[in-house]
């Protein structure tokens, strides 16, 4: 930097890019630049499955079904369809987990992408704010320099005026004697 507070050319370029990006995001938010990309059927299903399996109602219903399964097979009110050690139940639960895992992972990956994009946007906004603050500091420094120069010039002018006045007063005093 040639002077304190001046921005490099790359910083000016970055600031321009960030301003253009922010304007594009504002237009998108207002509906002028098109909506967010629509989700595919697979993404919608993955989100639906992940939301359903990660909810308290699912956990409560699943727990109730498992408890009923075990009680009905132990008590033998009806015919034992899965007697102890519950081999059919031990086959069904891993099947459910293996089937649901890819849906949950797809939903998590999509959410991770969304979070990454938000983090990148936050970073760009922070960089822009830093550059804007730096520009404001530069403007304040320039105003301060101008004000100091003006005050210095005013003091010099007043000093010179006082010297002239003292010179005239001194000259008039010597003439009166």
N, C-alpha and C. Protein backbone atom coordinates (compact mmCIF):
# COMPACT_ATOMS: atom_id res chain seq x y z
N UNK A 1 0.85 -1.19 0.00
CA UNK A 1 0.00 0.00 0.00
C UNK A 1 0.89 1.23 0.00
N UNK A 2 0.54 2.18 -0.84
CA UNK A 2 1.33 3.39 -0.88
C UNK A 2 1.02 4.30 0.29
N UNK A 3 -0.20 4.32 0.73
CA UNK A 3 -0.60 5.11 1.89
C UNK A 3 -1.39 4.26 2.84
N UNK A 4 -1.33 4.61 4.11
CA UNK A 4 -2.09 3.87 5.13
C UNK A 4 -3.58 4.03 4.83
N UNK A 5 -4.32 2.96 4.82
CA UNK A 5 -5.77 3.05 4.64
C UNK A 5 -6.22 2.86 3.21
N UNK A 6 -5.31 2.86 2.23
CA UNK A 6 -5.72 2.66 0.85
C UNK A 6 -5.91 1.18 0.60
N UNK A 7 -6.82 0.85 -0.32
CA UNK A 7 -7.09 -0.54 -0.62
C UNK A 7 -6.29 -0.98 -1.84
N UNK A 8 -5.88 -2.23 -1.85
CA UNK A 8 -5.23 -2.80 -3.01
C UNK A 8 -6.26 -2.96 -4.12
N UNK A 9 -5.77 -3.09 -5.33
CA UNK A 9 -6.66 -3.27 -6.47
C UNK A 9 -7.49 -4.54 -6.30
N UNK A 10 -6.88 -5.60 -5.76
CA UNK A 10 -7.61 -6.86 -5.54
C UNK A 10 -8.74 -6.68 -4.53
N UNK A 11 -8.52 -5.83 -3.52
CA UNK A 11 -9.57 -5.58 -2.53
C UNK A 11 -10.73 -4.81 -3.15
N UNK A 12 -10.41 -3.86 -4.05
CA UNK A 12 -11.48 -3.13 -4.75
C UNK A 12 -12.27 -4.10 -5.63
N UNK A 13 -11.56 -5.02 -6.31
CA UNK A 13 -12.23 -5.99 -7.17
C UNK A 13 -13.14 -6.89 -6.33
N UNK A 14 -12.62 -7.37 -5.20
CA UNK A 14 -13.41 -8.23 -4.31
C UNK A 14 -14.63 -7.49 -3.79
N UNK A 15 -14.46 -6.24 -3.41
CA UNK A 15 -15.57 -5.44 -2.92
C UNK A 15 -16.64 -5.29 -4.00
N UNK A 16 -16.23 -5.06 -5.25
CA UNK A 16 -17.19 -4.98 -6.35
C UNK A 16 -17.93 -6.28 -6.57
N UNK A 17 -17.19 -7.40 -6.51
CA UNK A 17 -17.83 -8.71 -6.67
C UNK A 17 -18.84 -8.97 -5.56
N UNK A 18 -18.47 -8.61 -4.33
CA UNK A 18 -19.37 -8.83 -3.20
C UNK A 18 -20.62 -7.96 -3.30
N UNK A 19 -20.45 -6.73 -3.77
CA UNK A 19 -21.62 -5.87 -3.96
C UNK A 19 -22.55 -6.45 -5.01
N UNK A 20 -21.98 -6.95 -6.13
CA UNK A 20 -22.80 -7.55 -7.19
C UNK A 20 -23.52 -8.80 -6.67
N UNK A 21 -22.82 -9.61 -5.89
CA UNK A 21 -23.42 -10.81 -5.32
C UNK A 21 -24.57 -10.45 -4.39
N UNK A 22 -24.38 -9.43 -3.56
CA UNK A 22 -25.43 -9.01 -2.63
C UNK A 22 -26.66 -8.49 -3.38
N UNK A 23 -26.42 -7.74 -4.46
CA UNK A 23 -27.54 -7.23 -5.25
C UNK A 23 -28.31 -8.39 -5.89
N UNK A 24 -27.57 -9.41 -6.36
CA UNK A 24 -28.21 -10.57 -6.95
C UNK A 24 -29.06 -11.30 -5.92
N UNK A 25 -28.54 -11.42 -4.69
CA UNK A 25 -29.29 -12.09 -3.63
C UNK A 25 -30.52 -11.30 -3.25
N UNK A 26 -30.42 -9.98 -3.25
CA UNK A 26 -31.60 -9.16 -2.93
C UNK A 26 -32.67 -9.34 -4.00
N UNK A 27 -32.26 -9.36 -5.28
CA UNK A 27 -33.23 -9.56 -6.36
C UNK A 27 -33.88 -10.93 -6.24
N UNK A 28 -33.09 -11.94 -5.88
CA UNK A 28 -33.63 -13.29 -5.73
C UNK A 28 -34.64 -13.32 -4.58
N UNK A 29 -34.31 -12.65 -3.49
CA UNK A 29 -35.20 -12.62 -2.32
C UNK A 29 -36.50 -11.90 -2.65
N UNK A 30 -36.42 -10.92 -3.53
CA UNK A 30 -37.62 -10.18 -3.93
C UNK A 30 -38.38 -10.88 -5.04
N UNK A 31 -37.83 -11.99 -5.56
CA UNK A 31 -38.52 -12.73 -6.61
C UNK A 31 -38.25 -12.24 -8.00
N UNK A 32 -37.30 -11.33 -8.18
CA UNK A 32 -37.02 -10.77 -9.50
C UNK A 32 -36.03 -11.62 -10.29
N UNK A 33 -35.22 -12.39 -9.63
CA UNK A 33 -34.15 -13.12 -10.30
C UNK A 33 -34.42 -14.63 -10.32
N UNK A 34 -35.63 -15.05 -10.11
CA UNK A 34 -35.94 -16.47 -10.09
C UNK A 34 -35.89 -17.02 -8.68
N UNK A 35 -36.58 -18.11 -8.49
CA UNK A 35 -36.66 -18.71 -7.16
C UNK A 35 -35.49 -19.66 -6.94
N UNK A 36 -35.39 -20.12 -5.74
CA UNK A 36 -34.37 -21.11 -5.40
C UNK A 36 -34.64 -22.37 -6.23
N UNK A 37 -33.60 -23.15 -6.51
CA UNK A 37 -33.82 -24.36 -7.30
C UNK A 37 -34.77 -25.31 -6.59
N UNK A 38 -35.66 -25.92 -7.36
CA UNK A 38 -36.63 -26.83 -6.77
C UNK A 38 -35.95 -28.14 -6.43
N UNK A 39 -36.48 -28.78 -5.40
CA UNK A 39 -35.92 -30.05 -4.95
C UNK A 39 -36.42 -31.17 -5.84
N UNK A 40 -35.55 -32.17 -6.05
CA UNK A 40 -35.95 -33.34 -6.81
C UNK A 40 -36.84 -34.22 -5.94
N UNK A 41 -37.48 -35.20 -6.56
CA UNK A 41 -38.34 -36.12 -5.82
C UNK A 41 -37.50 -36.88 -4.79
N UNK A 42 -36.31 -37.30 -5.20
CA UNK A 42 -35.43 -38.02 -4.27
C UNK A 42 -35.07 -37.18 -3.05
N UNK A 43 -34.79 -35.90 -3.28
CA UNK A 43 -34.44 -35.02 -2.16
C UNK A 43 -35.65 -34.82 -1.24
N UNK A 44 -36.81 -34.66 -1.84
CA UNK A 44 -38.02 -34.50 -1.02
C UNK A 44 -38.29 -35.75 -0.19
N UNK A 45 -38.15 -36.93 -0.80
CA UNK A 45 -38.38 -38.19 -0.07
C UNK A 45 -37.34 -38.33 1.04
N UNK A 46 -36.07 -38.03 0.73
CA UNK A 46 -35.01 -38.14 1.74
C UNK A 46 -35.29 -37.21 2.92
N UNK A 47 -35.70 -35.98 2.63
CA UNK A 47 -36.03 -35.05 3.71
C UNK A 47 -37.24 -35.53 4.51
N UNK A 48 -38.23 -36.06 3.82
CA UNK A 48 -39.45 -36.54 4.49
C UNK A 48 -39.12 -37.72 5.41
N UNK A 49 -38.33 -38.68 4.90
CA UNK A 49 -37.96 -39.85 5.70
C UNK A 49 -37.11 -39.43 6.89
N UNK A 50 -36.11 -38.57 6.65
CA UNK A 50 -35.24 -38.13 7.74
C UNK A 50 -36.03 -37.36 8.79
N UNK A 51 -36.94 -36.50 8.35
CA UNK A 51 -37.75 -35.74 9.31
C UNK A 51 -38.66 -36.67 10.10
N UNK A 52 -39.22 -37.67 9.43
CA UNK A 52 -40.12 -38.60 10.12
C UNK A 52 -39.38 -39.49 11.10
N UNK A 53 -38.25 -40.04 10.69
CA UNK A 53 -37.51 -40.96 11.55
C UNK A 53 -36.76 -40.25 12.66
N UNK A 54 -36.56 -38.96 12.51
CA UNK A 54 -35.86 -38.21 13.55
C UNK A 54 -36.81 -37.46 14.45
N UNK A 55 -38.06 -37.91 14.51
CA UNK A 55 -39.04 -37.19 15.33
C UNK A 55 -39.44 -38.03 16.54
N UNK A 56 -39.96 -37.34 17.56
CA UNK A 56 -40.43 -38.04 18.76
C UNK A 56 -41.61 -38.95 18.47
N UNK A 57 -42.57 -38.54 17.64
CA UNK A 57 -43.67 -39.47 17.36
C UNK A 57 -43.17 -40.80 16.79
N UNK A 58 -42.17 -40.75 15.88
CA UNK A 58 -41.64 -41.99 15.33
C UNK A 58 -41.01 -42.84 16.42
N UNK A 59 -40.22 -42.23 17.28
CA UNK A 59 -39.55 -42.97 18.35
C UNK A 59 -40.57 -43.60 19.30
N UNK A 60 -41.60 -42.84 19.63
CA UNK A 60 -42.64 -43.36 20.54
C UNK A 60 -43.41 -44.50 19.89
N UNK A 61 -43.80 -44.32 18.63
CA UNK A 61 -44.55 -45.38 17.93
C UNK A 61 -43.68 -46.62 17.76
N UNK A 62 -42.44 -46.43 17.36
CA UNK A 62 -41.51 -47.56 17.19
C UNK A 62 -41.34 -48.29 18.52
N UNK A 63 -41.16 -47.56 19.60
CA UNK A 63 -40.99 -48.19 20.92
C UNK A 63 -42.25 -48.96 21.32
N UNK A 64 -43.42 -48.39 21.04
CA UNK A 64 -44.68 -49.07 21.38
C UNK A 64 -44.83 -50.35 20.56
N UNK A 65 -44.49 -50.31 19.28
CA UNK A 65 -44.59 -51.51 18.44
C UNK A 65 -43.63 -52.59 18.93
N UNK A 66 -42.39 -52.19 19.26
CA UNK A 66 -41.41 -53.17 19.76
C UNK A 66 -41.86 -53.78 21.08
N UNK A 67 -42.38 -52.95 21.96
CA UNK A 67 -42.86 -53.46 23.26
C UNK A 67 -44.03 -54.42 23.04
N UNK A 68 -44.96 -54.06 22.17
CA UNK A 68 -46.11 -54.93 21.90
C UNK A 68 -45.65 -56.24 21.27
N UNK A 69 -44.71 -56.17 20.34
CA UNK A 69 -44.17 -57.36 19.68
C UNK A 69 -43.61 -58.33 20.73
N UNK A 70 -42.78 -57.79 21.63
CA UNK A 70 -42.13 -58.63 22.64
C UNK A 70 -43.16 -59.19 23.62
N UNK A 71 -44.07 -58.35 24.10
CA UNK A 71 -45.07 -58.79 25.08
C UNK A 71 -45.97 -59.86 24.46
N UNK A 72 -46.45 -59.64 23.24
CA UNK A 72 -47.35 -60.61 22.61
C UNK A 72 -46.66 -61.94 22.38
N UNK A 73 -45.37 -61.93 22.08
CA UNK A 73 -44.66 -63.17 21.85
C UNK A 73 -44.24 -63.87 23.14
N UNK A 74 -44.05 -63.11 24.21
CA UNK A 74 -43.67 -63.72 25.48
C UNK A 74 -44.90 -64.27 26.19
N UNK A 75 -45.96 -63.49 26.24
CA UNK A 75 -47.17 -63.88 26.96
C UNK A 75 -47.91 -64.98 26.20
N UNK A 76 -47.81 -65.00 24.90
CA UNK A 76 -48.44 -66.01 24.04
C UNK A 76 -49.96 -65.97 24.11
N UNK A 77 -50.51 -64.76 24.13
CA UNK A 77 -51.96 -64.62 24.08
C UNK A 77 -52.44 -65.16 22.75
N UNK A 78 -51.69 -64.87 21.75
CA UNK A 78 -51.98 -65.44 20.43
C UNK A 78 -50.80 -66.33 20.07
N UNK A 79 -50.86 -66.98 18.94
CA UNK A 79 -49.80 -67.91 18.54
C UNK A 79 -48.46 -67.20 18.47
N UNK A 80 -47.41 -67.83 18.93
CA UNK A 80 -46.05 -67.27 18.85
C UNK A 80 -45.63 -67.20 17.38
N UNK A 81 -45.55 -66.01 16.81
CA UNK A 81 -45.04 -65.90 15.44
C UNK A 81 -43.55 -65.59 15.43
N UNK A 82 -43.03 -65.14 16.60
CA UNK A 82 -41.60 -64.85 16.72
C UNK A 82 -41.17 -65.11 18.16
N UNK A 83 -41.02 -66.39 18.54
CA UNK A 83 -40.69 -66.69 19.94
C UNK A 83 -39.28 -66.21 20.29
N UNK A 84 -39.07 -66.15 21.62
CA UNK A 84 -37.77 -65.74 22.12
C UNK A 84 -36.71 -66.59 21.46
N UNK A 85 -35.67 -66.04 20.96
CA UNK A 85 -34.94 -64.78 21.04
C UNK A 85 -35.33 -63.76 19.96
N UNK A 86 -36.53 -63.82 19.44
CA UNK A 86 -37.08 -62.82 18.53
C UNK A 86 -36.23 -62.65 17.26
N UNK A 87 -36.04 -63.76 16.56
CA UNK A 87 -35.20 -63.77 15.36
C UNK A 87 -35.80 -62.89 14.28
N UNK A 88 -37.10 -62.93 14.07
CA UNK A 88 -37.74 -62.11 13.04
C UNK A 88 -37.58 -60.62 13.37
N UNK A 89 -37.73 -60.29 14.63
CA UNK A 89 -37.54 -58.89 15.06
C UNK A 89 -36.09 -58.46 14.84
N UNK A 90 -35.15 -59.38 15.14
CA UNK A 90 -33.73 -59.07 14.93
C UNK A 90 -33.38 -58.95 13.45
N UNK A 91 -34.16 -59.52 12.58
CA UNK A 91 -33.96 -59.34 11.14
C UNK A 91 -34.62 -58.05 10.65
N UNK A 92 -35.80 -57.72 11.20
CA UNK A 92 -36.55 -56.56 10.75
C UNK A 92 -35.88 -55.23 11.12
N UNK A 93 -35.34 -55.14 12.33
CA UNK A 93 -34.74 -53.88 12.77
C UNK A 93 -33.49 -53.49 11.96
N UNK A 94 -32.55 -54.40 11.70
CA UNK A 94 -31.42 -54.02 10.84
C UNK A 94 -31.86 -53.68 9.42
N UNK A 95 -32.90 -54.40 8.92
CA UNK A 95 -33.41 -54.07 7.59
C UNK A 95 -33.93 -52.64 7.58
N UNK A 96 -34.68 -52.27 8.59
CA UNK A 96 -35.21 -50.91 8.67
C UNK A 96 -34.06 -49.90 8.73
N UNK A 97 -33.06 -50.17 9.54
CA UNK A 97 -31.92 -49.25 9.68
C UNK A 97 -31.14 -49.15 8.37
N UNK A 98 -30.90 -50.30 7.71
CA UNK A 98 -30.15 -50.29 6.45
C UNK A 98 -30.93 -49.57 5.35
N UNK A 99 -32.24 -49.71 5.37
CA UNK A 99 -33.07 -49.07 4.35
C UNK A 99 -33.16 -47.55 4.59
N UNK A 100 -33.24 -47.16 5.84
CA UNK A 100 -33.43 -45.74 6.16
C UNK A 100 -32.12 -44.95 6.11
N UNK A 101 -31.00 -45.60 6.35
CA UNK A 101 -29.71 -44.90 6.42
C UNK A 101 -29.39 -44.08 5.17
N UNK A 102 -29.54 -44.62 3.96
CA UNK A 102 -29.22 -43.79 2.77
C UNK A 102 -30.11 -42.55 2.66
N UNK A 103 -31.38 -42.68 3.01
CA UNK A 103 -32.26 -41.51 2.96
C UNK A 103 -31.78 -40.43 3.93
N UNK A 104 -31.44 -40.86 5.13
CA UNK A 104 -30.98 -39.92 6.14
C UNK A 104 -29.66 -39.28 5.72
N UNK A 105 -28.76 -40.08 5.15
CA UNK A 105 -27.47 -39.54 4.70
C UNK A 105 -27.65 -38.56 3.56
N UNK A 106 -28.57 -38.85 2.62
CA UNK A 106 -28.82 -37.91 1.52
C UNK A 106 -29.34 -36.59 2.06
N UNK A 107 -30.25 -36.66 3.02
CA UNK A 107 -30.79 -35.44 3.62
C UNK A 107 -29.71 -34.67 4.36
N UNK A 108 -28.85 -35.39 5.09
CA UNK A 108 -27.76 -34.73 5.81
C UNK A 108 -26.77 -34.09 4.85
N UNK A 109 -26.46 -34.77 3.75
CA UNK A 109 -25.54 -34.21 2.76
C UNK A 109 -26.10 -32.92 2.15
N UNK A 110 -27.39 -32.96 1.83
CA UNK A 110 -28.01 -31.76 1.27
C UNK A 110 -28.01 -30.63 2.28
N UNK A 111 -28.28 -30.94 3.54
CA UNK A 111 -28.25 -29.92 4.58
C UNK A 111 -26.83 -29.41 4.78
N UNK A 112 -25.83 -30.28 4.68
CA UNK A 112 -24.44 -29.85 4.80
C UNK A 112 -24.08 -28.90 3.66
N UNK A 113 -24.57 -29.17 2.44
CA UNK A 113 -24.33 -28.27 1.32
C UNK A 113 -24.96 -26.90 1.57
N UNK A 114 -26.18 -26.92 2.10
CA UNK A 114 -26.86 -25.65 2.42
C UNK A 114 -26.08 -24.89 3.48
N UNK A 115 -25.64 -25.60 4.52
CA UNK A 115 -24.86 -24.96 5.58
C UNK A 115 -23.54 -24.41 5.05
N UNK A 116 -22.88 -25.16 4.16
CA UNK A 116 -21.61 -24.70 3.58
C UNK A 116 -21.83 -23.43 2.77
N UNK A 117 -22.90 -23.39 1.98
CA UNK A 117 -23.18 -22.19 1.18
C UNK A 117 -23.48 -21.00 2.08
N UNK A 118 -24.21 -21.23 3.17
CA UNK A 118 -24.49 -20.15 4.12
C UNK A 118 -23.21 -19.66 4.77
N UNK A 119 -22.31 -20.59 5.11
CA UNK A 119 -21.03 -20.20 5.72
C UNK A 119 -20.19 -19.40 4.74
N UNK A 120 -20.18 -19.81 3.47
CA UNK A 120 -19.44 -19.05 2.45
C UNK A 120 -20.02 -17.65 2.30
N UNK A 121 -21.34 -17.57 2.30
CA UNK A 121 -22.00 -16.27 2.18
C UNK A 121 -21.69 -15.40 3.40
N UNK A 122 -21.71 -15.98 4.59
CA UNK A 122 -21.37 -15.23 5.80
C UNK A 122 -19.94 -14.72 5.73
N UNK A 123 -19.03 -15.56 5.23
CA UNK A 123 -17.63 -15.16 5.10
C UNK A 123 -17.50 -13.98 4.14
N UNK A 124 -18.19 -14.07 3.00
CA UNK A 124 -18.13 -12.98 2.02
C UNK A 124 -18.70 -11.70 2.60
N UNK A 125 -19.78 -11.81 3.35
CA UNK A 125 -20.38 -10.63 3.97
C UNK A 125 -19.42 -10.03 4.99
N UNK A 126 -18.74 -10.88 5.76
CA UNK A 126 -17.77 -10.38 6.74
C UNK A 126 -16.61 -9.68 6.04
N UNK A 127 -16.14 -10.23 4.92
CA UNK A 127 -15.06 -9.59 4.16
C UNK A 127 -15.54 -8.23 3.65
N UNK A 128 -16.76 -8.19 3.13
CA UNK A 128 -17.29 -6.93 2.61
C UNK A 128 -17.40 -5.90 3.73
N UNK A 129 -17.88 -6.32 4.89
CA UNK A 129 -18.01 -5.40 6.02
C UNK A 129 -16.64 -4.88 6.43
N UNK A 130 -15.65 -5.76 6.43
CA UNK A 130 -14.30 -5.34 6.79
C UNK A 130 -13.77 -4.31 5.79
N UNK A 131 -14.00 -4.56 4.51
CA UNK A 131 -13.54 -3.61 3.49
C UNK A 131 -14.29 -2.28 3.59
N UNK A 132 -15.58 -2.34 3.85
CA UNK A 132 -16.36 -1.11 4.00
C UNK A 132 -15.88 -0.31 5.20
N UNK A 133 -15.58 -0.99 6.29
CA UNK A 133 -15.06 -0.30 7.48
C UNK A 133 -13.71 0.32 7.17
N UNK A 134 -12.89 -0.41 6.43
CA UNK A 134 -11.58 0.13 6.05
C UNK A 134 -11.75 1.38 5.18
N UNK A 135 -12.71 1.35 4.26
CA UNK A 135 -12.98 2.53 3.43
C UNK A 135 -13.45 3.70 4.29
N UNK A 136 -14.32 3.42 5.27
CA UNK A 136 -14.79 4.49 6.15
C UNK A 136 -13.63 5.08 6.96
N UNK A 137 -12.73 4.22 7.44
CA UNK A 137 -11.55 4.72 8.16
C UNK A 137 -10.71 5.61 7.26
N UNK A 138 -10.56 5.19 6.02
CA UNK A 138 -9.78 5.98 5.07
C UNK A 138 -10.44 7.35 4.85
N UNK A 139 -11.74 7.38 4.69
CA UNK A 139 -12.44 8.65 4.49
C UNK A 139 -12.32 9.54 5.73
N UNK A 140 -12.46 8.95 6.91
CA UNK A 140 -12.32 9.74 8.14
C UNK A 140 -10.90 10.29 8.27
N UNK A 141 -9.90 9.46 7.93
CA UNK A 141 -8.51 9.94 7.97
C UNK A 141 -8.29 11.10 7.01
N UNK A 142 -8.86 10.99 5.81
CA UNK A 142 -8.74 12.08 4.83
C UNK A 142 -9.41 13.34 5.35
N UNK A 143 -10.60 13.21 5.94
CA UNK A 143 -11.29 14.38 6.49
C UNK A 143 -10.47 15.00 7.63
N UNK A 144 -9.89 14.16 8.47
CA UNK A 144 -9.07 14.64 9.57
C UNK A 144 -7.84 15.39 9.04
N UNK A 145 -7.20 14.82 8.01
CA UNK A 145 -6.04 15.48 7.41
C UNK A 145 -6.42 16.85 6.83
N UNK A 146 -7.56 16.91 6.14
CA UNK A 146 -8.02 18.18 5.57
C UNK A 146 -8.32 19.19 6.67
N UNK A 147 -8.98 18.70 7.74
CA UNK A 147 -9.32 19.59 8.84
C UNK A 147 -8.07 20.11 9.54
N UNK A 148 -7.10 19.24 9.74
CA UNK A 148 -5.84 19.66 10.37
C UNK A 148 -5.12 20.67 9.49
N UNK A 149 -5.12 20.42 8.17
CA UNK A 149 -4.48 21.36 7.25
C UNK A 149 -5.19 22.71 7.28
N UNK A 150 -6.52 22.67 7.30
CA UNK A 150 -7.30 23.90 7.37
C UNK A 150 -7.03 24.64 8.68
N UNK A 151 -7.02 23.92 9.79
CA UNK A 151 -6.74 24.54 11.09
C UNK A 151 -5.33 25.12 11.13
N UNK A 152 -4.38 24.39 10.58
CA UNK A 152 -2.99 24.87 10.54
C UNK A 152 -2.90 26.15 9.72
N UNK A 153 -3.58 26.16 8.57
CA UNK A 153 -3.57 27.35 7.71
C UNK A 153 -4.27 28.52 8.42
N UNK A 154 -5.36 28.23 9.11
CA UNK A 154 -6.09 29.29 9.83
C UNK A 154 -5.22 29.86 10.95
N UNK A 155 -4.53 29.00 11.69
CA UNK A 155 -3.64 29.47 12.75
C UNK A 155 -2.52 30.32 12.15
N UNK A 156 -1.97 29.88 11.03
CA UNK A 156 -0.91 30.64 10.38
C UNK A 156 -1.44 32.00 9.93
N UNK A 157 -2.63 32.02 9.35
CA UNK A 157 -3.22 33.29 8.90
C UNK A 157 -3.47 34.21 10.09
N UNK A 158 -4.00 33.65 11.19
CA UNK A 158 -4.26 34.47 12.38
C UNK A 158 -2.95 34.98 12.99
N UNK A 159 -1.94 34.14 13.00
CA UNK A 159 -0.63 34.56 13.52
C UNK A 159 -0.08 35.69 12.67
N UNK A 160 -0.18 35.55 11.38
CA UNK A 160 0.32 36.59 10.48
C UNK A 160 -0.49 37.87 10.67
N UNK A 161 -1.79 37.74 10.84
CA UNK A 161 -2.65 38.90 11.06
C UNK A 161 -2.27 39.60 12.37
N UNK A 162 -2.03 38.81 13.41
CA UNK A 162 -1.61 39.38 14.69
C UNK A 162 -0.27 40.09 14.57
N UNK A 163 0.65 39.50 13.83
CA UNK A 163 1.97 40.12 13.64
C UNK A 163 1.81 41.45 12.92
N UNK A 164 0.95 41.50 11.90
CA UNK A 164 0.73 42.75 11.18
C UNK A 164 0.11 43.79 12.10
N UNK A 165 -0.86 43.34 12.90
CA UNK A 165 -1.52 44.27 13.80
C UNK A 165 -0.52 44.78 14.85
N UNK A 166 0.30 43.86 15.41
CA UNK A 166 1.33 44.29 16.36
C UNK A 166 2.32 45.22 15.69
N UNK A 167 2.62 44.95 14.44
CA UNK A 167 3.55 45.82 13.70
C UNK A 167 2.95 47.20 13.49
N UNK A 168 1.68 47.28 13.20
CA UNK A 168 1.02 48.57 13.01
C UNK A 168 0.90 49.28 14.34
N UNK A 169 0.55 48.54 15.40
CA UNK A 169 0.45 49.18 16.73
C UNK A 169 1.80 49.67 17.18
N UNK A 170 2.84 48.89 16.93
CA UNK A 170 4.19 49.30 17.32
C UNK A 170 4.64 50.52 16.53
N UNK A 171 4.25 50.61 15.25
CA UNK A 171 4.63 51.74 14.40
C UNK A 171 3.88 52.99 14.84
N UNK A 172 2.62 52.85 15.21
CA UNK A 172 1.85 54.02 15.65
C UNK A 172 2.32 54.48 17.00
N UNK A 173 2.80 53.58 17.87
CA UNK A 173 3.34 53.97 19.19
C UNK A 173 4.62 54.78 19.00
N UNK A 174 5.46 54.38 18.08
CA UNK A 174 6.73 55.09 17.90
C UNK A 174 6.51 56.44 17.25
N UNK A 175 5.47 56.63 16.46
CA UNK A 175 5.19 57.91 15.83
C UNK A 175 4.67 58.89 16.87
N UNK A 176 3.92 58.45 17.82
CA UNK A 176 3.33 59.33 18.82
C UNK A 176 4.38 59.88 19.75
N UNK A 177 5.46 59.21 19.95
CA UNK A 177 6.45 59.67 20.89
C UNK A 177 7.09 60.88 20.41
